[in-house]
N, C-alpha and C. Protein backbone atom coordinates (compact mmCIF):
# COMPACT_ATOMS: atom_id res chain seq x y z
N MET A 1 11.66 -174.01 -44.34
CA MET A 1 11.52 -173.27 -45.56
C MET A 1 12.11 -174.08 -46.70
N ARG A 2 11.38 -174.25 -47.76
CA ARG A 2 11.90 -174.97 -48.90
C ARG A 2 11.98 -174.04 -50.09
N THR A 3 13.16 -173.95 -50.64
CA THR A 3 13.36 -173.15 -51.83
C THR A 3 13.87 -174.10 -52.89
N GLY A 4 13.00 -174.75 -53.60
CA GLY A 4 13.33 -175.80 -54.55
C GLY A 4 14.64 -175.59 -55.27
N THR A 5 14.90 -174.39 -55.75
CA THR A 5 16.12 -174.12 -56.49
C THR A 5 17.34 -174.35 -55.63
N THR A 6 17.33 -173.81 -54.42
CA THR A 6 18.49 -173.95 -53.54
C THR A 6 18.71 -175.39 -53.15
N TYR A 7 17.68 -176.06 -52.70
CA TYR A 7 17.84 -177.42 -52.25
C TYR A 7 18.18 -178.36 -53.40
N SER A 8 17.62 -178.15 -54.58
CA SER A 8 17.91 -179.06 -55.67
C SER A 8 19.37 -178.95 -56.09
N ARG A 9 20.02 -177.82 -55.82
CA ARG A 9 21.43 -177.67 -56.15
C ARG A 9 22.33 -178.27 -55.08
N SER A 10 21.80 -178.48 -53.89
CA SER A 10 22.65 -179.00 -52.82
C SER A 10 22.80 -180.51 -52.96
N SER A 11 23.90 -181.01 -52.45
CA SER A 11 24.16 -182.44 -52.52
C SER A 11 23.24 -183.22 -51.59
N ALA A 12 22.53 -182.53 -50.72
CA ALA A 12 21.66 -183.19 -49.74
C ALA A 12 20.20 -183.18 -50.17
N SER A 13 19.90 -182.84 -51.42
CA SER A 13 18.51 -182.67 -51.82
C SER A 13 17.68 -183.94 -51.63
N THR A 14 18.24 -185.10 -51.89
CA THR A 14 17.48 -186.34 -51.72
C THR A 14 17.10 -186.55 -50.26
N GLU A 15 18.04 -186.30 -49.36
CA GLU A 15 17.75 -186.46 -47.93
C GLU A 15 16.68 -185.48 -47.47
N ILE A 16 16.70 -184.26 -47.95
CA ILE A 16 15.71 -183.26 -47.56
C ILE A 16 14.34 -183.68 -48.05
N GLU A 17 14.26 -184.16 -49.28
CA GLU A 17 12.97 -184.57 -49.84
C GLU A 17 12.38 -185.74 -49.06
N HIS A 18 13.22 -186.57 -48.46
CA HIS A 18 12.73 -187.75 -47.74
C HIS A 18 12.80 -187.59 -46.23
N HIS A 19 13.04 -186.38 -45.75
CA HIS A 19 13.11 -186.10 -44.32
C HIS A 19 11.72 -186.22 -43.70
N ALA A 20 11.62 -186.99 -42.64
CA ALA A 20 10.33 -187.15 -41.95
C ALA A 20 10.25 -186.17 -40.79
N GLU A 21 9.17 -185.42 -40.74
CA GLU A 21 8.92 -184.56 -39.60
C GLU A 21 8.57 -185.45 -38.41
N THR A 22 8.73 -184.94 -37.21
CA THR A 22 8.46 -185.73 -36.00
C THR A 22 7.03 -186.27 -36.00
N ASN A 23 6.05 -185.44 -36.36
CA ASN A 23 4.66 -185.90 -36.38
C ASN A 23 4.49 -187.08 -37.34
N ASP A 24 5.13 -187.00 -38.51
CA ASP A 24 5.04 -188.08 -39.49
C ASP A 24 5.69 -189.36 -38.95
N LEU A 25 6.82 -189.20 -38.25
CA LEU A 25 7.51 -190.34 -37.67
C LEU A 25 6.63 -191.04 -36.63
N ILE A 26 6.00 -190.26 -35.76
CA ILE A 26 5.12 -190.83 -34.73
C ILE A 26 3.94 -191.54 -35.37
N GLU A 27 3.33 -190.91 -36.37
CA GLU A 27 2.19 -191.54 -37.06
C GLU A 27 2.62 -192.84 -37.74
N GLY A 28 3.79 -192.85 -38.33
CA GLY A 28 4.30 -194.06 -38.98
C GLY A 28 4.51 -195.19 -37.99
N LEU A 29 5.07 -194.86 -36.82
CA LEU A 29 5.28 -195.87 -35.78
C LEU A 29 3.94 -196.41 -35.27
N LYS A 30 2.97 -195.52 -35.09
CA LYS A 30 1.64 -195.96 -34.64
C LYS A 30 0.99 -196.86 -35.68
N THR A 31 1.04 -196.45 -36.93
CA THR A 31 0.43 -197.22 -38.01
C THR A 31 1.07 -198.59 -38.14
N ALA A 32 2.37 -198.66 -37.93
CA ALA A 32 3.10 -199.93 -38.03
C ALA A 32 2.92 -200.80 -36.78
N GLY A 33 2.20 -200.29 -35.79
CA GLY A 33 2.00 -201.05 -34.57
C GLY A 33 3.23 -201.11 -33.68
N ARG A 34 4.15 -200.16 -33.83
CA ARG A 34 5.38 -200.18 -33.06
C ARG A 34 5.37 -199.19 -31.90
N LEU A 35 4.30 -198.38 -31.82
CA LEU A 35 4.19 -197.40 -30.74
C LEU A 35 2.75 -197.30 -30.30
N THR A 36 2.56 -197.38 -28.98
CA THR A 36 1.24 -197.15 -28.41
C THR A 36 1.31 -195.82 -27.68
N VAL A 37 0.53 -194.86 -28.14
CA VAL A 37 0.54 -193.53 -27.56
C VAL A 37 -0.45 -193.48 -26.40
N GLU A 38 0.03 -193.04 -25.27
CA GLU A 38 -0.82 -192.91 -24.09
C GLU A 38 -1.37 -191.50 -23.96
N GLY A 39 -0.59 -190.51 -24.42
CA GLY A 39 -1.05 -189.14 -24.32
C GLY A 39 -0.22 -188.20 -25.17
N GLU A 40 -0.74 -187.00 -25.27
CA GLU A 40 -0.07 -186.00 -26.09
C GLU A 40 -0.44 -184.63 -25.55
N ASP A 41 0.49 -183.70 -25.61
CA ASP A 41 0.22 -182.33 -25.19
C ASP A 41 0.98 -181.39 -26.09
N ARG A 42 0.47 -180.20 -26.22
CA ARG A 42 1.05 -179.19 -27.10
C ARG A 42 1.16 -177.88 -26.32
N THR A 43 2.29 -177.21 -26.46
CA THR A 43 2.45 -175.92 -25.80
C THR A 43 1.79 -174.83 -26.65
N PRO A 44 1.41 -173.73 -26.02
CA PRO A 44 0.93 -172.61 -26.83
C PRO A 44 2.10 -172.03 -27.62
N PRO A 45 1.82 -171.36 -28.73
CA PRO A 45 2.91 -170.76 -29.52
C PRO A 45 3.67 -169.70 -28.72
N ILE A 46 4.98 -169.78 -28.81
CA ILE A 46 5.86 -168.80 -28.17
C ILE A 46 6.50 -168.00 -29.30
N PRO A 47 6.36 -166.66 -29.30
CA PRO A 47 6.96 -165.86 -30.37
C PRO A 47 8.48 -166.05 -30.41
N PHE A 48 9.00 -166.18 -31.62
CA PHE A 48 10.44 -166.38 -31.82
C PHE A 48 10.88 -165.53 -33.00
N GLU A 49 12.07 -164.95 -32.89
CA GLU A 49 12.59 -164.11 -33.97
C GLU A 49 14.09 -164.34 -34.08
N GLN A 50 14.60 -164.36 -35.32
CA GLN A 50 16.03 -164.49 -35.53
C GLN A 50 16.41 -163.84 -36.86
N SER A 51 17.68 -163.50 -36.97
CA SER A 51 18.17 -162.89 -38.21
C SER A 51 18.33 -163.97 -39.28
N VAL A 52 18.41 -163.54 -40.52
CA VAL A 52 18.63 -164.49 -41.62
C VAL A 52 19.97 -165.20 -41.43
N GLY A 53 20.98 -164.47 -40.99
CA GLY A 53 22.29 -165.09 -40.75
C GLY A 53 22.22 -166.18 -39.69
N ASP A 54 21.48 -165.91 -38.60
CA ASP A 54 21.32 -166.93 -37.56
C ASP A 54 20.55 -168.13 -38.08
N TYR A 55 19.56 -167.88 -38.93
CA TYR A 55 18.78 -168.97 -39.52
C TYR A 55 19.66 -169.84 -40.41
N ILE A 56 20.51 -169.22 -41.21
CA ILE A 56 21.42 -169.99 -42.07
C ILE A 56 22.37 -170.83 -41.22
N GLU A 57 22.88 -170.24 -40.13
CA GLU A 57 23.76 -171.02 -39.24
C GLU A 57 23.00 -172.18 -38.60
N PHE A 58 21.74 -171.95 -38.24
CA PHE A 58 20.91 -173.05 -37.73
C PHE A 58 20.83 -174.18 -38.77
N LEU A 59 20.58 -173.83 -40.02
CA LEU A 59 20.50 -174.85 -41.07
C LEU A 59 21.79 -175.65 -41.17
N HIS A 60 22.93 -174.98 -41.02
CA HIS A 60 24.22 -175.66 -41.10
C HIS A 60 24.49 -176.54 -39.89
N ARG A 61 23.72 -176.36 -38.82
CA ARG A 61 23.88 -177.24 -37.64
C ARG A 61 23.04 -178.50 -37.75
N THR A 62 22.27 -178.62 -38.83
CA THR A 62 21.53 -179.86 -39.05
C THR A 62 22.42 -180.84 -39.78
N SER A 63 22.18 -182.12 -39.60
CA SER A 63 23.04 -183.12 -40.24
C SER A 63 22.95 -183.06 -41.75
N THR A 64 21.79 -182.73 -42.28
CA THR A 64 21.60 -182.72 -43.73
C THR A 64 22.30 -181.54 -44.40
N LEU A 65 22.31 -180.38 -43.76
CA LEU A 65 22.85 -179.17 -44.39
C LEU A 65 24.13 -178.68 -43.74
N ALA A 66 24.83 -179.56 -43.04
CA ALA A 66 26.10 -179.18 -42.42
C ALA A 66 27.08 -178.76 -43.51
N ARG A 67 27.90 -177.76 -43.19
CA ARG A 67 28.86 -177.26 -44.17
C ARG A 67 29.75 -178.38 -44.71
N ILE A 68 30.12 -179.28 -43.86
CA ILE A 68 31.00 -180.37 -44.30
C ILE A 68 30.31 -181.26 -45.34
N ARG A 69 29.01 -181.41 -45.23
CA ARG A 69 28.25 -182.21 -46.20
C ARG A 69 28.01 -181.45 -47.49
N LEU A 70 27.79 -180.14 -47.38
CA LEU A 70 27.56 -179.34 -48.58
C LEU A 70 28.87 -179.08 -49.33
N GLY A 71 29.99 -179.14 -48.59
CA GLY A 71 31.29 -178.96 -49.22
C GLY A 71 31.42 -177.64 -49.95
N ASP A 72 31.85 -177.70 -51.21
CA ASP A 72 32.07 -176.50 -52.01
C ASP A 72 30.78 -175.73 -52.28
N ARG A 73 29.65 -176.35 -52.07
CA ARG A 73 28.37 -175.69 -52.35
C ARG A 73 27.84 -174.88 -51.16
N SER A 74 28.55 -174.89 -50.07
CA SER A 74 28.10 -174.21 -48.86
C SER A 74 27.88 -172.71 -49.08
N ASP A 75 28.85 -172.05 -49.69
CA ASP A 75 28.70 -170.60 -49.93
C ASP A 75 27.57 -170.32 -50.91
N GLU A 76 27.44 -171.15 -51.93
CA GLU A 76 26.34 -170.99 -52.90
C GLU A 76 25.00 -171.16 -52.20
N PHE A 77 24.91 -172.13 -51.30
CA PHE A 77 23.70 -172.37 -50.54
C PHE A 77 23.35 -171.13 -49.71
N ASP A 78 24.34 -170.60 -48.98
CA ASP A 78 24.12 -169.41 -48.15
C ASP A 78 23.61 -168.25 -49.00
N HIS A 79 24.27 -168.02 -50.12
CA HIS A 79 23.88 -166.92 -51.01
C HIS A 79 22.45 -167.11 -51.51
N ALA A 80 22.10 -168.31 -51.90
CA ALA A 80 20.75 -168.57 -52.42
C ALA A 80 19.68 -168.36 -51.34
N ILE A 81 19.95 -168.79 -50.12
CA ILE A 81 18.99 -168.59 -49.03
C ILE A 81 18.83 -167.09 -48.75
N ARG A 82 19.96 -166.37 -48.66
CA ARG A 82 19.88 -164.92 -48.44
C ARG A 82 19.09 -164.24 -49.56
N ALA A 83 19.28 -164.69 -50.78
CA ALA A 83 18.58 -164.09 -51.92
C ALA A 83 17.06 -164.24 -51.80
N VAL A 84 16.61 -165.37 -51.28
CA VAL A 84 15.17 -165.57 -51.09
C VAL A 84 14.62 -164.51 -50.13
N PHE A 85 15.31 -164.32 -49.02
CA PHE A 85 14.84 -163.33 -48.05
C PHE A 85 14.95 -161.90 -48.59
N THR A 86 16.02 -161.62 -49.30
CA THR A 86 16.20 -160.29 -49.90
C THR A 86 15.09 -160.02 -50.92
N ARG A 87 14.78 -161.00 -51.73
CA ARG A 87 13.73 -160.84 -52.75
C ARG A 87 12.40 -160.46 -52.10
N HIS A 88 12.16 -160.98 -50.91
CA HIS A 88 10.91 -160.68 -50.20
C HIS A 88 11.07 -159.52 -49.20
N ARG A 89 12.22 -158.85 -49.28
CA ARG A 89 12.52 -157.71 -48.41
C ARG A 89 12.34 -158.05 -46.93
N ASN A 90 12.90 -159.17 -46.58
CA ASN A 90 12.76 -159.66 -45.21
C ASN A 90 14.15 -159.95 -44.65
N ASP A 91 14.51 -159.30 -43.55
CA ASP A 91 15.83 -159.53 -42.96
C ASP A 91 15.76 -160.31 -41.64
N ARG A 92 14.54 -160.66 -41.23
CA ARG A 92 14.37 -161.43 -39.99
C ARG A 92 13.27 -162.46 -40.16
N LEU A 93 13.36 -163.53 -39.42
CA LEU A 93 12.30 -164.54 -39.39
C LEU A 93 11.53 -164.35 -38.10
N ARG A 94 10.23 -164.36 -38.20
CA ARG A 94 9.36 -164.24 -37.02
C ARG A 94 8.28 -165.30 -37.11
N TYR A 95 8.20 -166.14 -36.10
CA TYR A 95 7.18 -167.17 -36.10
C TYR A 95 6.95 -167.67 -34.68
N GLY A 96 5.91 -168.45 -34.50
CA GLY A 96 5.62 -169.03 -33.19
C GLY A 96 6.15 -170.45 -33.12
N VAL A 97 6.83 -170.75 -32.04
CA VAL A 97 7.36 -172.10 -31.82
C VAL A 97 6.39 -172.86 -30.93
N VAL A 98 5.99 -174.04 -31.36
CA VAL A 98 5.07 -174.88 -30.61
C VAL A 98 5.77 -176.20 -30.30
N GLY A 99 5.71 -176.60 -29.04
CA GLY A 99 6.28 -177.88 -28.64
C GLY A 99 5.18 -178.94 -28.58
N LEU A 100 5.48 -180.10 -29.11
CA LEU A 100 4.55 -181.23 -29.07
C LEU A 100 5.21 -182.35 -28.28
N ILE A 101 4.54 -182.80 -27.26
CA ILE A 101 5.06 -183.87 -26.41
C ILE A 101 4.12 -185.06 -26.55
N THR A 102 4.68 -186.19 -26.93
CA THR A 102 3.90 -187.42 -27.06
C THR A 102 4.55 -188.46 -26.18
N TRP A 103 3.73 -189.19 -25.41
CA TRP A 103 4.29 -190.24 -24.57
C TRP A 103 3.50 -191.53 -24.74
N GLY A 104 4.18 -192.60 -24.47
CA GLY A 104 3.57 -193.91 -24.61
C GLY A 104 4.64 -194.96 -24.45
N TRP A 105 4.46 -196.08 -25.13
CA TRP A 105 5.47 -197.14 -25.02
C TRP A 105 5.64 -197.82 -26.37
N ALA A 106 6.87 -198.31 -26.55
CA ALA A 106 7.19 -199.01 -27.79
C ALA A 106 6.61 -200.42 -27.73
N THR A 107 6.13 -200.86 -28.86
CA THR A 107 5.64 -202.23 -28.98
C THR A 107 6.78 -203.05 -29.58
N VAL A 108 7.26 -203.99 -28.81
CA VAL A 108 8.39 -204.79 -29.25
C VAL A 108 7.87 -206.00 -30.02
N THR A 109 8.43 -206.18 -31.19
CA THR A 109 8.08 -207.34 -32.00
C THR A 109 9.16 -208.38 -31.79
N ARG A 110 8.76 -209.54 -31.38
CA ARG A 110 9.72 -210.61 -31.13
C ARG A 110 10.23 -211.14 -32.45
N VAL A 111 11.55 -211.26 -32.53
CA VAL A 111 12.18 -211.83 -33.72
C VAL A 111 12.28 -213.34 -33.51
N PRO A 112 11.78 -214.13 -34.46
CA PRO A 112 11.82 -215.58 -34.30
C PRO A 112 13.24 -216.10 -34.16
N ASP A 113 13.40 -217.14 -33.35
CA ASP A 113 14.71 -217.78 -33.20
C ASP A 113 15.09 -218.42 -34.53
N ARG A 114 16.36 -218.41 -34.80
CA ARG A 114 16.83 -219.00 -36.07
C ARG A 114 17.46 -220.32 -35.82
């Protein structure tokens, strides 16, 4: 979930804007010739539900939005996230979780001797 106002106030906004999703990372490695994909599989969506409080705690367990990184802005961040859900009269998150499994091998580029 991106709430431009909340993230732009956090000290981690640059990292969030440049965060690569796993799919983007895999595509980048393939495009750069550093990964050869042999196969891929996807799980069916599994229903998942959590409270807004649990979701905020999940966000704080990420390296980008850890309380220690947000510092004094941590409480402001929590309040802003809660406000988004309150504004939409939503006290729980409900969505389907899908797992993507990709396998293959890394393409090693030899570094010339110096």
